[in-house]
Amino acid sequence: LSTVYVSCEITRRQLLWHDLSNFDPGSLPWLIGGDFNTISKPSEKCGGGPYSNKSMDHFNSFMANASLLEVSFLGDQYTSLAFPNLKLVHKPRILSDNCPLVSIFQEPTRLPRSFKFFRQW
C-alpha cells in the first residue's frame, strides 16, 4: 500500500510520476491511493478551475507505464480488474474537498460442498 499527496505543480508531479514508475513491487499486488491533484478523464472534474489536458495526459501515461488500474468503488464516482475482491467506499466530505476512503477486501464466496449420500448394501 502506498499513499501519496501529489503537488499541484506540474513539474513536481512529473518527478513523482517518474519515481513511482521506477518502483517495482515484483509479483506482489500494489495499491496506491491518495490525493493525486489531477484527473484521468474530464468527467471526473467537478468545480474549481479548468483542468489541464497536459496534466491529465501525464497522469494517464504514468498509470499505463506503471500498469496501474482503477479499483472499483462504491459511492461517489471518483476512485480493477486485478483486484476483483477489493472495493473502495467513499465516505462523505467533512473538512476537506476530498472524500475519506475505506478499502474493503472481500474474500471470494465459496459455495458449500454438496452432500452426497451413497447407499451401501
N, C-alpha and C. Protein backbone atom coordinates (compact mmCIF):
# COMPACT_ATOMS: atom_id res chain seq x y z
N LEU A 1 0.85 -1.18 0.00
CA LEU A 1 0.00 0.00 0.00
C LEU A 1 0.89 1.23 0.00
N SER A 2 0.67 2.10 -0.93
CA SER A 2 1.37 3.38 -0.98
C SER A 2 0.32 4.48 -0.95
N THR A 3 0.55 5.49 -0.12
CA THR A 3 -0.34 6.65 -0.11
C THR A 3 0.46 7.85 -0.54
N VAL A 4 -0.18 8.73 -1.30
CA VAL A 4 0.52 9.89 -1.85
C VAL A 4 -0.30 11.16 -1.68
N TYR A 5 0.39 12.24 -1.59
CA TYR A 5 -0.20 13.56 -1.78
C TYR A 5 0.64 14.20 -2.86
N VAL A 6 0.04 14.46 -4.00
CA VAL A 6 0.78 14.94 -5.16
C VAL A 6 0.67 16.45 -5.26
N SER A 7 1.79 17.09 -5.53
CA SER A 7 1.86 18.54 -5.65
C SER A 7 0.95 19.04 -6.77
N CYS A 8 0.48 20.26 -6.61
CA CYS A 8 -0.31 20.91 -7.68
C CYS A 8 0.58 21.41 -8.80
N GLU A 9 1.88 21.53 -8.53
CA GLU A 9 2.83 22.00 -9.56
C GLU A 9 3.14 20.85 -10.50
N ILE A 10 2.93 21.09 -11.79
CA ILE A 10 3.05 20.02 -12.78
C ILE A 10 4.48 19.44 -12.84
N THR A 11 5.51 20.27 -12.65
CA THR A 11 6.88 19.75 -12.73
C THR A 11 7.19 18.83 -11.54
N ARG A 12 6.71 19.19 -10.36
CA ARG A 12 6.92 18.34 -9.18
C ARG A 12 6.11 17.05 -9.32
N ARG A 13 4.94 17.16 -9.92
CA ARG A 13 4.09 15.99 -10.14
C ARG A 13 4.78 15.01 -11.08
N GLN A 14 5.39 15.54 -12.14
CA GLN A 14 6.09 14.68 -13.10
C GLN A 14 7.25 13.94 -12.43
N LEU A 15 7.95 14.59 -11.51
CA LEU A 15 9.03 13.92 -10.79
C LEU A 15 8.49 12.74 -9.97
N LEU A 16 7.34 12.93 -9.33
CA LEU A 16 6.75 11.84 -8.57
C LEU A 16 6.30 10.72 -9.49
N TRP A 17 5.69 11.06 -10.63
CA TRP A 17 5.29 10.01 -11.58
C TRP A 17 6.51 9.19 -11.98
N HIS A 18 7.63 9.87 -12.23
CA HIS A 18 8.86 9.19 -12.62
C HIS A 18 9.33 8.26 -11.50
N ASP A 19 9.37 8.77 -10.27
CA ASP A 19 9.84 7.96 -9.14
C ASP A 19 8.93 6.75 -8.90
N LEU A 20 7.62 6.97 -8.95
CA LEU A 20 6.69 5.86 -8.74
C LEU A 20 6.76 4.85 -9.87
N SER A 21 7.01 5.31 -11.09
CA SER A 21 7.12 4.39 -12.22
C SER A 21 8.32 3.47 -12.08
N ASN A 22 9.34 3.91 -11.36
CA ASN A 22 10.54 3.10 -11.17
C ASN A 22 10.40 2.11 -10.03
N PHE A 23 9.34 2.24 -9.23
CA PHE A 23 9.11 1.30 -8.14
C PHE A 23 8.63 -0.02 -8.72
N ASP A 24 9.21 -1.11 -8.26
CA ASP A 24 8.83 -2.43 -8.76
C ASP A 24 8.38 -3.31 -7.60
N PRO A 25 7.06 -3.53 -7.47
CA PRO A 25 6.59 -4.38 -6.38
C PRO A 25 6.79 -5.87 -6.66
N GLY A 26 7.43 -6.19 -7.78
CA GLY A 26 7.64 -7.59 -8.13
C GLY A 26 6.32 -8.26 -8.47
N SER A 27 6.11 -9.43 -7.92
CA SER A 27 4.87 -10.16 -8.20
C SER A 27 3.76 -9.81 -7.21
N LEU A 28 4.04 -8.91 -6.27
CA LEU A 28 3.03 -8.53 -5.29
C LEU A 28 2.06 -7.50 -5.85
N PRO A 29 0.80 -7.56 -5.43
CA PRO A 29 -0.14 -6.51 -5.86
C PRO A 29 0.23 -5.19 -5.21
N TRP A 30 -0.06 -4.09 -5.87
CA TRP A 30 0.30 -2.76 -5.36
C TRP A 30 -0.94 -1.88 -5.39
N LEU A 31 -1.33 -1.39 -4.23
CA LEU A 31 -2.44 -0.46 -4.12
C LEU A 31 -1.86 0.90 -3.81
N ILE A 32 -2.15 1.88 -4.65
CA ILE A 32 -1.66 3.23 -4.44
C ILE A 32 -2.86 4.16 -4.42
N GLY A 33 -2.93 5.00 -3.40
CA GLY A 33 -4.07 5.90 -3.29
C GLY A 33 -3.66 7.20 -2.62
N GLY A 34 -4.52 8.15 -2.68
CA GLY A 34 -4.25 9.44 -2.06
C GLY A 34 -4.86 10.56 -2.87
N ASP A 35 -4.26 11.74 -2.74
CA ASP A 35 -4.72 12.91 -3.46
C ASP A 35 -3.75 13.17 -4.62
N PHE A 36 -4.18 12.83 -5.81
CA PHE A 36 -3.32 12.95 -6.99
C PHE A 36 -3.33 14.36 -7.57
N ASN A 37 -4.26 15.19 -7.16
CA ASN A 37 -4.37 16.57 -7.65
C ASN A 37 -4.40 16.66 -9.16
N THR A 38 -5.00 15.67 -9.79
CA THR A 38 -5.23 15.69 -11.22
C THR A 38 -6.36 14.69 -11.51
N ILE A 39 -6.76 14.62 -12.74
CA ILE A 39 -7.83 13.71 -13.13
C ILE A 39 -7.36 12.84 -14.29
N SER A 40 -8.05 11.72 -14.47
CA SER A 40 -7.69 10.86 -15.60
C SER A 40 -8.64 11.04 -16.78
N LYS A 41 -9.79 11.66 -16.54
CA LYS A 41 -10.73 11.95 -17.63
C LYS A 41 -11.58 13.16 -17.25
N PRO A 42 -12.04 13.94 -18.23
CA PRO A 42 -12.80 15.16 -17.95
C PRO A 42 -14.04 14.95 -17.08
N SER A 43 -14.67 13.78 -17.15
CA SER A 43 -15.90 13.55 -16.38
C SER A 43 -15.63 13.53 -14.87
N GLU A 44 -14.37 13.42 -14.45
CA GLU A 44 -14.02 13.43 -13.02
C GLU A 44 -13.97 14.84 -12.46
N LYS A 45 -13.93 15.84 -13.31
CA LYS A 45 -13.81 17.23 -12.87
C LYS A 45 -15.14 17.76 -12.36
N CYS A 46 -15.09 18.36 -11.16
CA CYS A 46 -16.29 18.92 -10.56
C CYS A 46 -15.92 20.22 -9.86
N GLY A 47 -16.27 21.37 -10.43
CA GLY A 47 -15.97 22.66 -9.82
C GLY A 47 -14.51 23.04 -9.97
N GLY A 48 -14.15 24.15 -9.31
CA GLY A 48 -12.76 24.62 -9.34
C GLY A 48 -12.37 25.17 -10.69
N GLY A 49 -11.07 25.35 -10.85
CA GLY A 49 -10.54 25.89 -12.10
C GLY A 49 -10.59 24.87 -13.22
N PRO A 50 -10.24 25.32 -14.42
CA PRO A 50 -10.26 24.41 -15.57
C PRO A 50 -9.17 23.33 -15.43
N TYR A 51 -9.41 22.18 -16.01
CA TYR A 51 -8.42 21.11 -15.95
C TYR A 51 -7.41 21.28 -17.06
N SER A 52 -6.26 20.64 -16.88
CA SER A 52 -5.18 20.71 -17.85
C SER A 52 -5.09 19.39 -18.62
N ASN A 53 -5.23 19.47 -19.94
CA ASN A 53 -5.07 18.27 -20.77
C ASN A 53 -3.67 17.69 -20.60
N LYS A 54 -2.67 18.55 -20.48
CA LYS A 54 -1.29 18.10 -20.33
C LYS A 54 -1.13 17.31 -19.03
N SER A 55 -1.68 17.83 -17.95
CA SER A 55 -1.61 17.15 -16.66
C SER A 55 -2.33 15.81 -16.71
N MET A 56 -3.50 15.80 -17.34
CA MET A 56 -4.28 14.58 -17.47
C MET A 56 -3.51 13.54 -18.30
N ASP A 57 -2.88 13.98 -19.38
CA ASP A 57 -2.10 13.07 -20.24
C ASP A 57 -0.92 12.48 -19.47
N HIS A 58 -0.23 13.31 -18.67
CA HIS A 58 0.90 12.82 -17.87
C HIS A 58 0.44 11.77 -16.87
N PHE A 59 -0.69 12.03 -16.22
CA PHE A 59 -1.23 11.10 -15.23
C PHE A 59 -1.60 9.78 -15.89
N ASN A 60 -2.30 9.84 -17.01
CA ASN A 60 -2.69 8.61 -17.71
C ASN A 60 -1.48 7.84 -18.23
N SER A 61 -0.45 8.55 -18.67
CA SER A 61 0.79 7.88 -19.11
C SER A 61 1.46 7.18 -17.94
N PHE A 62 1.50 7.87 -16.78
CA PHE A 62 2.07 7.26 -15.59
C PHE A 62 1.32 5.98 -15.22
N MET A 63 -0.02 6.05 -15.21
CA MET A 63 -0.81 4.87 -14.85
C MET A 63 -0.56 3.72 -15.82
N ALA A 64 -0.47 4.02 -17.11
CA ALA A 64 -0.23 2.98 -18.11
C ALA A 64 1.18 2.40 -17.96
N ASN A 65 2.18 3.28 -17.78
CA ASN A 65 3.57 2.81 -17.65
C ASN A 65 3.78 1.98 -16.39
N ALA A 66 3.05 2.29 -15.33
CA ALA A 66 3.19 1.55 -14.06
C ALA A 66 2.22 0.37 -14.00
N SER A 67 1.47 0.14 -15.07
CA SER A 67 0.47 -0.94 -15.14
C SER A 67 -0.55 -0.86 -14.02
N LEU A 68 -0.98 0.38 -13.70
CA LEU A 68 -1.97 0.59 -12.65
C LEU A 68 -3.37 0.63 -13.26
N LEU A 69 -4.33 0.12 -12.51
CA LEU A 69 -5.74 0.12 -12.92
C LEU A 69 -6.55 0.75 -11.81
N GLU A 70 -7.67 1.37 -12.17
CA GLU A 70 -8.54 1.92 -11.14
C GLU A 70 -9.28 0.79 -10.44
N VAL A 71 -9.42 0.93 -9.12
CA VAL A 71 -10.15 -0.05 -8.32
C VAL A 71 -11.63 0.28 -8.40
N SER A 72 -12.47 -0.75 -8.45
CA SER A 72 -13.91 -0.49 -8.46
C SER A 72 -14.29 0.19 -7.15
N PHE A 73 -15.41 0.90 -7.14
CA PHE A 73 -15.75 1.69 -5.97
C PHE A 73 -17.23 1.61 -5.67
N LEU A 74 -17.55 1.98 -4.44
CA LEU A 74 -18.92 2.14 -4.00
C LEU A 74 -19.05 3.58 -3.55
N GLY A 75 -20.06 4.29 -3.97
CA GLY A 75 -20.20 5.68 -3.56
C GLY A 75 -19.95 6.62 -4.71
N ASP A 76 -19.37 7.78 -4.41
CA ASP A 76 -19.12 8.77 -5.45
C ASP A 76 -18.25 8.19 -6.56
N GLN A 77 -18.27 8.85 -7.70
CA GLN A 77 -17.62 8.32 -8.90
C GLN A 77 -16.10 8.34 -8.86
N TYR A 78 -15.50 9.08 -7.94
CA TYR A 78 -14.06 9.26 -8.02
C TYR A 78 -13.26 8.16 -7.34
N THR A 79 -12.81 7.31 -7.83
CA THR A 79 -11.82 6.33 -7.43
C THR A 79 -11.71 5.25 -8.50
N SER A 80 -10.35 -3.11 -9.79
CA SER A 80 -9.61 -3.19 -11.01
C SER A 80 -9.68 -4.61 -11.40
N LEU A 81 -9.54 -4.55 -12.36
CA LEU A 81 -9.68 -5.94 -12.77
C LEU A 81 -8.69 -6.84 -12.07
N ALA A 82 -7.55 -6.28 -11.67
CA ALA A 82 -6.53 -7.06 -10.97
C ALA A 82 -6.94 -7.38 -9.55
N PHE A 83 -7.88 -6.62 -8.97
CA PHE A 83 -8.33 -6.82 -7.60
C PHE A 83 -9.85 -6.91 -7.56
N PRO A 84 -10.44 -7.96 -8.09
CA PRO A 84 -11.90 -8.00 -8.15
C PRO A 84 -12.57 -8.07 -6.78
N ASN A 85 -11.84 -8.44 -5.74
CA ASN A 85 -12.42 -8.56 -4.40
C ASN A 85 -12.17 -7.32 -3.55
N LEU A 86 -11.55 -6.29 -4.13
CA LEU A 86 -11.27 -5.07 -3.40
C LEU A 86 -12.31 -4.01 -3.78
N LYS A 87 -12.91 -3.41 -2.78
CA LYS A 87 -13.89 -2.35 -3.00
C LYS A 87 -13.47 -1.12 -2.20
N LEU A 88 -13.71 0.04 -2.75
CA LEU A 88 -13.46 1.29 -2.05
C LEU A 88 -14.80 1.94 -1.76
N VAL A 89 -14.97 2.35 -0.52
CA VAL A 89 -16.18 3.06 -0.13
C VAL A 89 -15.80 4.51 0.11
N HIS A 90 -16.47 5.42 -0.56
CA HIS A 90 -16.22 6.85 -0.40
C HIS A 90 -17.12 7.38 0.69
N LYS A 91 -16.52 7.89 1.74
CA LYS A 91 -17.27 8.47 2.85
C LYS A 91 -17.56 9.94 2.55
N PRO A 92 -18.51 10.55 3.25
CA PRO A 92 -18.85 11.95 2.98
C PRO A 92 -17.69 12.90 3.32
N ARG A 93 -17.60 13.96 2.54
CA ARG A 93 -16.61 15.01 2.81
C ARG A 93 -17.01 15.74 4.09
N ILE A 94 -16.01 16.09 4.90
CA ILE A 94 -16.31 16.80 6.14
C ILE A 94 -15.57 18.14 6.18
N LEU A 95 -14.25 18.10 6.28
CA LEU A 95 -13.47 19.34 6.41
C LEU A 95 -12.62 19.63 5.19
N SER A 96 -12.70 18.82 4.16
CA SER A 96 -11.82 18.94 3.02
C SER A 96 -12.62 18.79 1.74
N ASP A 97 -11.97 19.05 0.59
CA ASP A 97 -12.63 18.80 -0.68
C ASP A 97 -12.39 17.36 -1.13
N ASN A 98 -11.77 16.54 -0.26
CA ASN A 98 -11.50 15.13 -0.56
C ASN A 98 -12.39 14.23 0.28
N CYS A 99 -12.74 13.09 -0.29
CA CYS A 99 -13.55 12.10 0.43
C CYS A 99 -12.63 11.09 1.11
N PRO A 100 -12.87 10.80 2.39
CA PRO A 100 -12.12 9.70 3.00
C PRO A 100 -12.50 8.38 2.33
N LEU A 101 -11.56 7.48 2.20
CA LEU A 101 -11.80 6.19 1.56
C LEU A 101 -11.65 5.06 2.57
N VAL A 102 -12.49 4.08 2.44
CA VAL A 102 -12.36 2.85 3.22
C VAL A 102 -12.19 1.73 2.22
N SER A 103 -11.08 0.99 2.32
CA SER A 103 -10.88 -0.13 1.41
C SER A 103 -11.32 -1.42 2.11
N ILE A 104 -12.02 -2.24 1.37
CA ILE A 104 -12.57 -3.48 1.90
C ILE A 104 -12.15 -4.61 0.97
N PHE A 105 -11.48 -5.58 1.55
CA PHE A 105 -11.14 -6.78 0.77
C PHE A 105 -12.12 -7.87 1.15
N GLN A 106 -12.88 -8.32 0.20
CA GLN A 106 -13.88 -9.36 0.46
C GLN A 106 -13.35 -10.69 -0.05
N GLU A 107 -13.28 -11.65 0.85
CA GLU A 107 -12.87 -12.99 0.46
C GLU A 107 -13.88 -13.52 -0.57
N PRO A 108 -13.40 -14.24 -1.55
CA PRO A 108 -14.34 -14.83 -2.51
C PRO A 108 -15.29 -15.78 -1.79
N THR A 109 -16.53 -15.73 -2.17
CA THR A 109 -17.50 -16.63 -1.54
C THR A 109 -17.32 -18.04 -2.07
N ARG A 110 -17.26 -18.94 -1.14
CA ARG A 110 -17.13 -20.34 -1.52
C ARG A 110 -18.46 -21.02 -1.25
N LEU A 111 -18.94 -21.69 -2.22
CA LEU A 111 -20.18 -22.41 -2.06
C LEU A 111 -19.93 -23.67 -1.26
N PRO A 112 -20.86 -24.02 -0.38
CA PRO A 112 -20.66 -25.24 0.39
C PRO A 112 -20.66 -26.45 -0.53
N ARG A 113 -19.86 -27.42 -0.15
CA ARG A 113 -19.82 -28.64 -0.95
C ARG A 113 -21.15 -29.37 -0.79
N SER A 114 -21.60 -29.92 -1.88
CA SER A 114 -22.86 -30.65 -1.80
C SER A 114 -22.64 -31.98 -1.08
N PHE A 115 -23.61 -32.33 -0.29
CA PHE A 115 -23.55 -33.57 0.47
C PHE A 115 -24.02 -34.70 -0.43
N LYS A 116 -23.24 -35.76 -0.46
CA LYS A 116 -23.61 -36.92 -1.28
C LYS A 116 -23.77 -38.13 -0.36
N PHE A 117 -24.84 -38.82 -0.52
CA PHE A 117 -25.11 -39.99 0.30
C PHE A 117 -25.12 -41.20 -0.63
N PHE A 118 -24.29 -42.17 -0.30
CA PHE A 118 -24.25 -43.38 -1.08
C PHE A 118 -24.86 -44.52 -0.27
N ARG A 119 -25.82 -45.18 -0.82
CA ARG A 119 -26.43 -46.32 -0.14
C ARG A 119 -25.57 -47.56 -0.40
N GLN A 120 -25.18 -48.17 0.67
CA GLN A 120 -24.37 -49.38 0.52
C GLN A 120 -25.14 -50.58 1.02
N TRP A 121 -24.89 -51.72 0.48
CA TRP A 121 -25.61 -52.94 0.88
C TRP A 121 -24.85 -53.63 1.95
